[in-house]
PDB file of all heavy atoms in Angstrom:
ATOM      1  N   ALA A   1       2.386  55.926 127.301  1.00  0.00           N
ATOM      2  CA  ALA A   1       2.415  56.314 125.961  1.00  0.00           C
ATOM      3  C   ALA A   1       2.060  55.144 125.024  1.00  0.00           C
ATOM      4  O   ALA A   1       1.622  55.330 123.966  1.00  0.00           O
ATOM      5  CB  ALA A   1       3.675  57.005 125.611  1.00  0.00           C
ATOM      6  N   VAL A   2       2.389  53.966 125.562  1.00  0.00           N
ATOM      7  CA  VAL A   2       2.174  52.748 124.706  1.00  0.00           C
ATOM      8  C   VAL A   2       0.837  52.130 124.856  1.00  0.00           C
ATOM      9  O   VAL A   2       0.369  51.720 125.830  1.00  0.00           O
ATOM     10  CB  VAL A   2       3.249  51.664 125.045  1.00  0.00           C
ATOM     11  CG1 VAL A   2       3.082  50.517 124.243  1.00  0.00           C
ATOM     12  CG2 VAL A   2       4.702  52.296 124.824  1.00  0.00           C
ATOM     13  N   THR A   3       0.165  52.043 123.630  1.00  0.00           N
ATOM     14  CA  THR A   3      -1.193  51.302 123.608  1.00  0.00           C
ATOM     15  C   THR A   3      -1.061  49.917 123.561  1.00  0.00           C
ATOM     16  O   THR A   3      -1.977  49.184 124.302  1.00  0.00           O
ATOM     17  CB  THR A   3      -2.076  51.928 122.344  1.00  0.00           C
ATOM     18  OG1 THR A   3      -1.897  53.258 122.452  1.00  0.00           O
ATOM     19  CG2 THR A   3      -3.449  51.399 122.452  1.00  0.00           C
ATOM     20  N   ALA A   4      -0.175  49.371 122.746  1.00  0.00           N
ATOM     21  CA  ALA A   4       0.001  47.856 122.853  1.00  0.00           C
ATOM     22  C   ALA A   4       1.360  47.691 122.300  1.00  0.00           C
ATOM     23  O   ALA A   4       2.079  48.436 121.682  1.00  0.00           O
ATOM     24  CB  ALA A   4      -1.059  47.395 121.689  1.00  0.00           C
ATOM     25  N   VAL A   5       1.715  46.413 122.593  1.00  0.00           N
ATOM     26  CA  VAL A   5       3.164  45.861 122.133  1.00  0.00           C
ATOM     27  C   VAL A   5       2.922  44.420 121.431  1.00  0.00           C
ATOM     28  O   VAL A   5       2.144  43.620 121.955  1.00  0.00           O
ATOM     29  CB  VAL A   5       4.039  45.631 123.417  1.00  0.00           C
ATOM     30  CG1 VAL A   5       5.392  45.055 122.988  1.00  0.00           C
ATOM     31  CG2 VAL A   5       4.223  46.848 124.145  1.00  0.00           C
ATOM     32  N   CYS A   6       3.697  44.239 120.465  1.00  0.00           N
ATOM     33  CA  CYS A   6       3.651  42.949 119.709  1.00  0.00           C
ATOM     34  C   CYS A   6       5.094  42.542 119.401  1.00  0.00           C
ATOM     35  O   CYS A   6       5.830  43.272 118.700  1.00  0.00           O
ATOM     36  CB  CYS A   6       2.770  43.069 118.501  1.00  0.00           C
ATOM     37  SG  CYS A   6       2.699  41.588 117.497  1.00  0.00           S
ATOM     38  N   VAL A   7       5.518  41.282 119.849  1.00  0.00           N
ATOM     39  CA  VAL A   7       6.768  40.792 119.638  1.00  0.00           C
ATOM     40  C   VAL A   7       6.778  40.124 118.159  1.00  0.00           C
ATOM     41  O   VAL A   7       5.879  39.391 117.953  1.00  0.00           O
ATOM     42  CB  VAL A   7       7.253  39.675 120.738  1.00  0.00           C
ATOM     43  CG1 VAL A   7       8.584  39.171 120.327  1.00  0.00           C
ATOM     44  CG2 VAL A   7       7.274  40.381 122.066  1.00  0.00           C
ATOM     45  N   PHE A   8       7.795  40.417 117.392  1.00  0.00           N
ATOM     46  CA  PHE A   8       7.980  39.785 116.028  1.00  0.00           C
ATOM     47  C   PHE A   8       9.351  39.101 115.997  1.00  0.00           C
ATOM     48  O   PHE A   8      10.329  39.592 116.490  1.00  0.00           O
ATOM     49  CB  PHE A   8       7.640  40.676 114.940  1.00  0.00           C
ATOM     50  CG  PHE A   8       8.579  41.828 114.773  1.00  0.00           C
ATOM     51  CD1 PHE A   8       9.829  41.726 113.986  1.00  0.00           C
ATOM     52  CD2 PHE A   8       8.385  43.010 115.569  1.00  0.00           C
ATOM     53  CE1 PHE A   8      10.640  42.836 113.775  1.00  0.00           C
ATOM     54  CE2 PHE A   8       9.371  44.199 115.361  1.00  0.00           C
ATOM     55  CZ  PHE A   8      10.380  44.090 114.489  1.00  0.00           C
ATOM     56  N   PRO A   9       9.341  37.908 115.272  1.00  0.00           N
ATOM     57  CA  PRO A   9      10.668  37.224 115.309  1.00  0.00           C
ATOM     58  C   PRO A   9      11.730  37.588 114.234  1.00  0.00           C
ATOM     59  O   PRO A   9      12.817  37.256 114.337  1.00  0.00           O
ATOM     60  CB  PRO A   9      10.251  35.691 115.043  1.00  0.00           C
ATOM     61  CG  PRO A   9       9.019  35.944 114.195  1.00  0.00           C
ATOM     62  CD  PRO A   9       8.308  37.142 114.814  1.00  0.00           C
ATOM     63  N   GLU A  10      11.264  38.365 113.141  1.00  0.00           N
ATOM     64  CA  GLU A  10      12.271  38.589 112.189  1.00  0.00           C
ATOM     65  C   GLU A  10      13.092  39.875 112.468  1.00  0.00           C
ATOM     66  O   GLU A  10      12.887  40.615 113.385  1.00  0.00           O
ATOM     67  CB  GLU A  10      11.381  39.033 110.835  1.00  0.00           C
ATOM     68  CG  GLU A  10      10.607  37.958 110.338  1.00  0.00           C
ATOM     69  CD  GLU A  10       9.286  37.834 110.975  1.00  0.00           C
ATOM     70  OE1 GLU A  10       8.788  38.716 111.742  1.00  0.00           O
ATOM     71  OE2 GLU A  10       8.640  36.766 110.729  1.00  0.00           O
ATOM     72  N   ILE A  11      14.271  39.883 111.746  1.00  0.00           N
ATOM     73  CA  ILE A  11      15.188  41.129 111.929  1.00  0.00           C
ATOM     74  C   ILE A  11      14.498  42.267 111.371  1.00  0.00           C
ATOM     75  O   ILE A  11      14.498  43.333 112.080  1.00  0.00           O
ATOM     76  CB  ILE A  11      16.484  40.900 111.163  1.00  0.00           C
ATOM     77  CG1 ILE A  11      17.352  39.637 111.822  1.00  0.00           C
ATOM     78  CG2 ILE A  11      17.317  42.142 111.130  1.00  0.00           C
ATOM     79  CD1 ILE A  11      18.499  39.365 111.114  1.00  0.00           C
ATOM     80  N   ARG A  12      13.817  42.281 110.228  1.00  0.00           N
ATOM     81  CA  ARG A  12      13.126  43.411 109.567  1.00  0.00           C
ATOM     82  C   ARG A  12      11.718  43.386 110.071  1.00  0.00           C
ATOM     83  O   ARG A  12      11.085  42.260 110.326  1.00  0.00           O
ATOM     84  CB  ARG A  12      13.238  43.273 108.107  1.00  0.00           C
ATOM     85  CG  ARG A  12      14.703  43.330 107.667  1.00  0.00           C
ATOM     86  CD  ARG A  12      14.823  44.433 106.725  1.00  0.00           C
ATOM     87  NE  ARG A  12      16.204  44.428 106.294  1.00  0.00           N
ATOM     88  CZ  ARG A  12      16.784  45.384 105.601  1.00  0.00           C
ATOM     89  NH1 ARG A  12      16.165  46.436 105.357  1.00  0.00           N
ATOM     90  NH2 ARG A  12      17.944  45.252 105.232  1.00  0.00           N
ATOM     91  N   ALA A  13      11.068  44.468 110.071  1.00  0.00           N
ATOM     92  CA  ALA A  13       9.705  44.598 110.500  1.00  0.00           C
ATOM     93  C   ALA A  13       8.672  44.501 109.474  1.00  0.00           C
ATOM     94  O   ALA A  13       7.507  44.702 109.711  1.00  0.00           O
ATOM     95  CB  ALA A  13       9.498  45.950 111.184  1.00  0.00           C
ATOM     96  N   THR A  14       9.081  43.797 108.358  1.00  0.00           N
ATOM     97  CA  THR A  14       8.185  43.875 107.090  1.00  0.00           C
ATOM     98  C   THR A  14       6.802  43.034 107.450  1.00  0.00           C
ATOM     99  O   THR A  14       5.704  43.608 107.257  1.00  0.00           O
ATOM    100  CB  THR A  14       8.969  42.999 106.057  1.00  0.00           C
ATOM    101  OG1 THR A  14      10.252  43.585 105.945  1.00  0.00           O
ATOM    102  CG2 THR A  14       8.043  43.114 104.811  1.00  0.00           C
ATOM    103  N   ARG A  15       6.882  41.949 108.093  1.00  0.00           N
ATOM    104  CA  ARG A  15       5.610  41.156 108.260  1.00  0.00           C
ATOM    105  C   ARG A  15       4.786  41.939 109.362  1.00  0.00           C
ATOM    106  O   ARG A  15       3.587  42.002 109.342  1.00  0.00           O
ATOM    107  CB  ARG A  15       5.845  39.737 108.759  1.00  0.00           C
ATOM    108  CG  ARG A  15       4.626  38.883 108.987  1.00  0.00           C
ATOM    109  CD  ARG A  15       4.911  37.371 109.020  1.00  0.00           C
ATOM    110  NE  ARG A  15       5.701  37.054 110.222  1.00  0.00           N
ATOM    111  CZ  ARG A  15       5.348  36.333 111.306  1.00  0.00           C
ATOM    112  NH1 ARG A  15       4.070  35.788 111.178  1.00  0.00           N
ATOM    113  NH2 ARG A  15       6.078  35.924 112.166  1.00  0.00           N
ATOM    114  N   PHE A  16       5.515  42.239 110.512  1.00  0.00           N
ATOM    115  CA  PHE A  16       4.789  43.137 111.471  1.00  0.00           C
ATOM    116  C   PHE A  16       4.085  44.194 111.006  1.00  0.00           C
ATOM    117  O   PHE A  16       2.872  44.539 111.171  1.00  0.00           O
ATOM    118  CB  PHE A  16       5.814  43.455 112.550  1.00  0.00           C
ATOM    119  CG  PHE A  16       5.331  44.633 113.450  1.00  0.00           C
ATOM    120  CD1 PHE A  16       4.329  44.284 114.391  1.00  0.00           C
ATOM    121  CD2 PHE A  16       5.773  45.848 113.334  1.00  0.00           C
ATOM    122  CE1 PHE A  16       3.912  45.256 115.317  1.00  0.00           C
ATOM    123  CE2 PHE A  16       5.299  46.806 114.281  1.00  0.00           C
ATOM    124  CZ  PHE A  16       4.371  46.482 115.153  1.00  0.00           C
ATOM    125  N   LEU A  17       4.744  45.040 110.067  1.00  0.00           N
ATOM    126  CA  LEU A  17       4.067  46.201 109.480  1.00  0.00           C
ATOM    127  C   LEU A  17       2.846  45.851 108.642  1.00  0.00           C
ATOM    128  O   LEU A  17       1.944  46.515 108.626  1.00  0.00           O
ATOM    129  CB  LEU A  17       5.130  47.006 108.637  1.00  0.00           C
ATOM    130  CG  LEU A  17       6.294  47.779 109.493  1.00  0.00           C
ATOM    131  CD1 LEU A  17       7.227  48.342 108.585  1.00  0.00           C
ATOM    132  CD2 LEU A  17       5.505  48.870 110.333  1.00  0.00           C
ATOM    133  N   SER A  18       2.999  44.747 107.940  1.00  0.00           N
ATOM    134  CA  SER A  18       1.877  44.267 107.002  1.00  0.00           C
ATOM    135  C   SER A  18       0.614  43.957 107.879  1.00  0.00           C
ATOM    136  O   SER A  18      -0.524  44.290 107.472  1.00  0.00           O
ATOM    137  CB  SER A  18       2.204  42.943 106.275  1.00  0.00           C
ATOM    138  OG  SER A  18       3.283  43.308 105.349  1.00  0.00           O
ATOM    139  N   LEU A  19       0.842  43.464 109.038  1.00  0.00           N
ATOM    140  CA  LEU A  19      -0.345  43.117 109.901  1.00  0.00           C
ATOM    141  C   LEU A  19      -0.825  44.375 110.651  1.00  0.00           C
ATOM    142  O   LEU A  19      -1.887  44.561 110.880  1.00  0.00           O
ATOM    143  CB  LEU A  19       0.049  42.017 110.992  1.00  0.00           C
ATOM    144  CG  LEU A  19       0.489  40.676 110.428  1.00  0.00           C
ATOM    145  CD1 LEU A  19       1.165  39.873 111.504  1.00  0.00           C
ATOM    146  CD2 LEU A  19      -0.696  40.017 109.803  1.00  0.00           C
ATOM    147  N   ALA A  20       0.252  45.303 110.901  1.00  0.00           N
ATOM    148  CA  ALA A  20      -0.145  46.520 111.720  1.00  0.00           C
ATOM    149  C   ALA A  20      -0.840  47.625 110.939  1.00  0.00           C
ATOM    150  O   ALA A  20      -1.721  48.249 111.416  1.00  0.00           O
ATOM    151  CB  ALA A  20       1.142  47.021 112.473  1.00  0.00           C
ATOM    152  N   GLN A  21      -0.508  47.629 109.659  1.00  0.00           N
ATOM    153  CA  GLN A  21      -0.976  48.649 108.680  1.00  0.00           C
ATOM    154  C   GLN A  21      -1.173  50.103 109.322  1.00  0.00           C
ATOM    155  O   GLN A  21      -2.133  50.594 109.430  1.00  0.00           O
ATOM    156  CB  GLN A  21      -2.422  48.177 108.349  1.00  0.00           C
ATOM    157  CG  GLN A  21      -2.434  46.841 107.589  1.00  0.00           C
ATOM    158  CD  GLN A  21      -3.895  46.405 107.286  1.00  0.00           C
ATOM    159  OE1 GLN A  21      -4.769  47.153 107.307  1.00  0.00           O
ATOM    160  NE2 GLN A  21      -3.976  45.147 106.764  1.00  0.00           N
ATOM    161  N   PRO A  22       0.140  50.650 109.701  1.00  0.00           N
ATOM    162  CA  PRO A  22       0.169  51.866 110.320  1.00  0.00           C
ATOM    163  C   PRO A  22      -0.314  52.981 109.480  1.00  0.00           C
ATOM    164  O   PRO A  22      -0.158  53.115 108.230  1.00  0.00           O
ATOM    165  CB  PRO A  22       1.653  52.042 110.502  1.00  0.00           C
ATOM    166  CG  PRO A  22       2.329  51.296 109.587  1.00  0.00           C
ATOM    167  CD  PRO A  22       1.440  50.035 109.293  1.00  0.00           C
ATOM    168  N   ASP A  23      -0.982  53.824 110.145  1.00  0.00           N
ATOM    169  CA  ASP A  23      -1.319  55.295 109.570  1.00  0.00           C
ATOM    170  C   ASP A  23      -0.091  56.088 109.471  1.00  0.00           C
ATOM    171  O   ASP A  23       0.212  56.850 108.627  1.00  0.00           O
ATOM    172  CB  ASP A  23      -2.435  56.015 110.300  1.00  0.00           C
ATOM    173  CG  ASP A  23      -3.763  55.198 110.240  1.00  0.00           C
ATOM    174  OD1 ASP A  23      -4.112  54.898 109.150  1.00  0.00           O
ATOM    175  OD2 ASP A  23      -4.254  54.866 111.352  1.00  0.00           O
ATOM    176  N   ILE A  24       0.736  55.915 110.583  1.00  0.00           N
ATOM    177  CA  ILE A  24       1.951  56.735 110.738  1.00  0.00           C
ATOM    178  C   ILE A  24       2.991  55.697 111.216  1.00  0.00           C
ATOM    179  O   ILE A  24       2.741  55.071 112.192  1.00  0.00           O
ATOM    180  CB  ILE A  24       1.886  57.800 111.609  1.00  0.00           C
ATOM    181  CG1 ILE A  24       0.687  58.848 111.179  1.00  0.00           C
ATOM    182  CG2 ILE A  24       3.063  58.630 111.835  1.00  0.00           C
ATOM    183  CD1 ILE A  24       0.209  59.809 112.273  1.00  0.00           C
ATOM    184  N   TYR A  25       4.056  55.593 110.522  1.00  0.00           N
ATOM    185  CA  TYR A  25       5.161  54.838 110.909  1.00  0.00           C
ATOM    186  C   TYR A  25       6.350  55.637 111.327  1.00  0.00           C
ATOM    187  O   TYR A  25       6.729  56.592 110.690  1.00  0.00           O
ATOM    188  CB  TYR A  25       5.625  53.874 109.756  1.00  0.00           C
ATOM    189  CG  TYR A  25       6.722  52.996 109.935  1.00  0.00           C
ATOM    190  CD1 TYR A  25       6.883  52.128 111.234  1.00  0.00           C
ATOM    191  CD2 TYR A  25       7.788  52.678 109.157  1.00  0.00           C
ATOM    192  CE1 TYR A  25       7.846  51.270 111.473  1.00  0.00           C
ATOM    193  CE2 TYR A  25       8.880  51.839 109.337  1.00  0.00           C
ATOM    194  CZ  TYR A  25       8.872  51.069 110.456  1.00  0.00           C
ATOM    195  OH  TYR A  25       9.832  50.180 110.641  1.00  0.00           O
ATOM    196  N   VAL A  26       6.669  55.506 112.723  1.00  0.00           N
ATOM    197  CA  VAL A  26       7.680  56.471 113.209  1.00  0.00           C
ATOM    198  C   VAL A  26       9.088  55.579 113.451  1.00  0.00           C
ATOM    199  O   VAL A  26       8.945  54.485 113.909  1.00  0.00           O
ATOM    200  CB  VAL A  26       7.211  57.030 114.551  1.00  0.00           C
ATOM    201  CG1 VAL A  26       8.301  57.811 115.224  1.00  0.00           C
ATOM    202  CG2 VAL A  26       5.953  57.881 114.347  1.00  0.00           C
ATOM    203  N   LYS A  27      10.134  56.283 113.045  1.00  0.00           N
ATOM    204  CA  LYS A  27      11.433  55.688 113.314  1.00  0.00           C
ATOM    205  C   LYS A  27      12.212  56.831 113.965  1.00  0.00           C
ATOM    206  O   LYS A  27      12.094  58.010 113.685  1.00  0.00           O
ATOM    207  CB  LYS A  27      12.073  55.319 112.013  1.00  0.00           C
ATOM    208  CG  LYS A  27      11.421  54.073 111.449  1.00  0.00           C
ATOM    209  CD  LYS A  27      11.470  52.872 112.292  1.00  0.00           C
ATOM    210  CE  LYS A  27      12.868  52.171 112.367  1.00  0.00           C
ATOM    211  NZ  LYS A  27      12.870  50.924 113.194  1.00  0.00           N
ATOM    212  N   GLY A  28      13.196  56.520 114.748  1.00  0.00           N
ATOM    213  CA  GLY A  28      14.035  57.422 115.415  1.00  0.00           C
ATOM    214  C   GLY A  28      15.529  57.259 114.802  1.00  0.00           C
ATOM    215  O   GLY A  28      15.869  56.408 113.966  1.00  0.00           O
ATOM    216  N   GLY A  29      16.305  58.409 115.121  1.00  0.00           N
ATOM    217  CA  GLY A  29      17.663  58.299 114.625  1.00  0.00           C
ATOM    218  C   GLY A  29      18.029  59.471 113.713  1.00  0.00           C
ATOM    219  O   GLY A  29      17.165  60.360 113.394  1.00  0.00           O
ATOM    220  N   ASP A  30      19.041  59.256 113.052  1.00  0.00           N
ATOM    221  CA  ASP A  30      19.610  60.304 112.204  1.00  0.00           C
ATOM    222  C   ASP A  30      19.477  59.736 110.709  1.00  0.00           C
ATOM    223  O   ASP A  30      20.171  60.103 109.768  1.00  0.00           O
ATOM    224  CB  ASP A  30      21.000  60.527 112.519  1.00  0.00           C
ATOM    225  CG  ASP A  30      21.937  59.368 112.592  1.00  0.00           C
ATOM    226  OD1 ASP A  30      21.380  58.266 112.368  1.00  0.00           O
ATOM    227  OD2 ASP A  30      23.066  59.534 112.891  1.00  0.00           O
ATOM    228  N   LEU A  31      18.540  58.822 110.560  1.00  0.00           N
ATOM    229  CA  LEU A  31      18.204  58.328 109.113  1.00  0.00           C
ATOM    230  C   LEU A  31      17.122  59.208 108.480  1.00  0.00           C
ATOM    231  O   LEU A  31      16.496  59.806 109.094  1.00  0.00           O
ATOM    232  CB  LEU A  31      17.611  56.985 109.383  1.00  0.00           C
ATOM    233  CG  LEU A  31      18.354  55.798 109.919  1.00  0.00           C
ATOM    234  CD1 LEU A  31      17.516  54.630 109.944  1.00  0.00           C
ATOM    235  CD2 LEU A  31      19.535  55.515 109.000  1.00  0.00           C
ATOM    236  N   SER A  32      17.204  59.224 107.091  1.00  0.00           N
ATOM    237  CA  SER A  32      16.201  59.878 106.394  1.00  0.00           C
ATOM    238  C   SER A  32      15.144  58.642 106.044  1.00  0.00           C
ATOM    239  O   SER A  32      15.466  57.563 106.081  1.00  0.00           O
ATOM    240  CB  SER A  32      16.674  60.477 105.111  1.00  0.00           C
ATOM    241  OG  SER A  32      17.252  59.463 104.305  1.00  0.00           O
TER     242      SER A  32
END
């Protein structure tokens, strides 16, 4: 199912997301 993996050093995914520029950002859990 996984096309690629990228390790990022920060606690938050902010910089990773800036570089990835997702069309769809998926998160799991019971969060809104």
